Amino acid sequence: MFHELAEIMSDMDAEIRAVEEKLSKVRGVKAGMMSALLTGRVRLV
């Protein structure tokens, strides 16, 4: 029973790490796009 629970918790930790890594990358893209928009290098029509 405890082995199965530990395995589930380990899988959840791995998934959380993957989502946090993706979030970090998306935040980086957002920061770059905001910079491009605010400097006028990119325009939205």
N, C-alpha and C. Protein backbone atom coordinates (compact mmCIF):
# COMPACT_ATOMS: atom_id res chain seq x y z
N MET A 1 0.83 -1.20 0.00
CA MET A 1 0.00 0.00 0.00
C MET A 1 0.87 1.26 0.00
N PHE A 2 1.87 1.29 0.89
CA PHE A 2 2.71 2.48 0.99
C PHE A 2 3.57 2.65 -0.27
N HIS A 3 3.97 1.52 -0.85
CA HIS A 3 4.78 1.58 -2.07
C HIS A 3 3.98 2.24 -3.20
N GLU A 4 2.72 1.87 -3.34
CA GLU A 4 1.88 2.45 -4.38
C GLU A 4 1.67 3.94 -4.15
N LEU A 5 1.46 4.31 -2.89
CA LEU A 5 1.26 5.72 -2.55
C LEU A 5 2.53 6.53 -2.84
N ALA A 6 3.67 5.96 -2.49
CA ALA A 6 4.93 6.65 -2.75
C ALA A 6 5.15 6.82 -4.25
N GLU A 7 4.78 5.82 -5.02
CA GLU A 7 4.93 5.91 -6.47
C GLU A 7 4.02 6.99 -7.06
N ILE A 8 2.80 7.07 -6.57
CA ILE A 8 1.85 8.09 -7.02
C ILE A 8 2.38 9.48 -6.67
N MET A 9 2.89 9.64 -5.46
CA MET A 9 3.42 10.94 -5.03
C MET A 9 4.63 11.33 -5.87
N SER A 10 5.47 10.36 -6.19
CA SER A 10 6.65 10.62 -7.02
C SER A 10 6.22 11.07 -8.42
N ASP A 11 5.21 10.40 -8.98
CA ASP A 11 4.69 10.79 -10.30
C ASP A 11 4.11 12.20 -10.26
N MET A 12 3.41 12.52 -9.18
CA MET A 12 2.84 13.85 -9.04
C MET A 12 3.93 14.91 -8.95
N ASP A 13 4.99 14.61 -8.21
CA ASP A 13 6.12 15.55 -8.09
C ASP A 13 6.75 15.79 -9.46
N ALA A 14 6.92 14.74 -10.24
CA ALA A 14 7.52 14.88 -11.57
C ALA A 14 6.63 15.73 -12.47
N GLU A 15 5.33 15.52 -12.38
CA GLU A 15 4.40 16.31 -13.20
C GLU A 15 4.41 17.78 -12.77
N ILE A 16 4.46 18.02 -11.48
CA ILE A 16 4.51 19.40 -10.98
C ILE A 16 5.78 20.09 -11.47
N ARG A 17 6.91 19.39 -11.41
CA ARG A 17 8.17 19.96 -11.90
C ARG A 17 8.08 20.29 -13.38
N ALA A 18 7.46 19.41 -14.17
CA ALA A 18 7.33 19.65 -15.61
C ALA A 18 6.45 20.87 -15.87
N VAL A 19 5.37 21.01 -15.13
CA VAL A 19 4.47 22.15 -15.31
C VAL A 19 5.16 23.45 -14.88
N GLU A 20 5.91 23.39 -13.79
CA GLU A 20 6.63 24.58 -13.34
C GLU A 20 7.69 25.01 -14.36
N GLU A 21 8.35 24.03 -14.99
CA GLU A 21 9.35 24.34 -16.01
C GLU A 21 8.69 25.00 -17.23
N LYS A 22 7.55 24.45 -17.62
CA LYS A 22 6.81 25.03 -18.75
C LYS A 22 6.36 26.45 -18.43
N LEU A 23 5.87 26.67 -17.20
CA LEU A 23 5.43 27.99 -16.77
C LEU A 23 6.59 28.99 -16.83
N SER A 24 7.75 28.55 -16.39
CA SER A 24 8.92 29.42 -16.42
C SER A 24 9.25 29.82 -17.85
N LYS A 25 9.20 28.88 -18.77
CA LYS A 25 9.49 29.18 -20.18
C LYS A 25 8.45 30.14 -20.76
N VAL A 26 7.19 29.93 -20.43
CA VAL A 26 6.12 30.79 -20.94
C VAL A 26 6.27 32.20 -20.38
N ARG A 27 6.65 32.31 -19.11
CA ARG A 27 6.87 33.64 -18.53
C ARG A 27 8.02 34.36 -19.23
N GLY A 28 9.06 33.62 -19.61
CA GLY A 28 10.16 34.21 -20.36
C GLY A 28 9.72 34.72 -21.71
N VAL A 29 8.90 33.94 -22.40
CA VAL A 29 8.37 34.36 -23.70
C VAL A 29 7.50 35.61 -23.53
N LYS A 30 6.67 35.62 -22.50
CA LYS A 30 5.81 36.78 -22.25
C LYS A 30 6.65 38.03 -22.01
N ALA A 31 7.69 37.90 -21.21
CA ALA A 31 8.55 39.05 -20.91
C ALA A 31 9.20 39.57 -22.19
N GLY A 32 9.65 38.66 -23.04
CA GLY A 32 10.26 39.06 -24.30
C GLY A 32 9.27 39.75 -25.21
N MET A 33 8.07 39.23 -25.29
CA MET A 33 7.05 39.83 -26.15
C MET A 33 6.62 41.19 -25.61
N MET A 34 6.50 41.32 -24.30
CA MET A 34 6.13 42.62 -23.73
C MET A 34 7.21 43.66 -24.03
N SER A 35 8.47 43.24 -23.94
CA SER A 35 9.57 44.14 -24.24
C SER A 35 9.50 44.59 -25.70
N ALA A 36 9.25 43.65 -26.60
CA ALA A 36 9.16 43.98 -28.03
C ALA A 36 7.98 44.92 -28.29
N LEU A 37 6.87 44.70 -27.62
CA LEU A 37 5.70 45.55 -27.81
C LEU A 37 5.95 46.95 -27.25
N LEU A 38 6.54 47.03 -26.07
CA LEU A 38 6.73 48.33 -25.43
C LEU A 38 7.78 49.18 -26.12
N THR A 39 8.75 48.54 -26.77
CA THR A 39 9.76 49.32 -27.49
C THR A 39 9.31 49.68 -28.90
N GLY A 40 8.21 49.11 -29.35
CA GLY A 40 7.70 49.41 -30.67
C GLY A 40 8.30 48.56 -31.78
N ARG A 41 9.12 47.59 -31.43
CA ARG A 41 9.70 46.71 -32.45
C ARG A 41 8.62 45.85 -33.10
N VAL A 42 7.58 45.55 -32.36
CA VAL A 42 6.47 44.73 -32.85
C VAL A 42 5.20 45.53 -32.66
N ARG A 43 4.35 45.49 -33.67
CA ARG A 43 3.07 46.20 -33.56
C ARG A 43 1.94 45.22 -33.76
N LEU A 44 0.89 45.40 -33.01
CA LEU A 44 -0.32 44.60 -33.18
C LEU A 44 -1.30 45.41 -34.00
N VAL A 45 -1.91 44.77 -34.96
CA VAL A 45 -2.83 45.49 -35.84
C VAL A 45 -4.25 45.16 -35.46
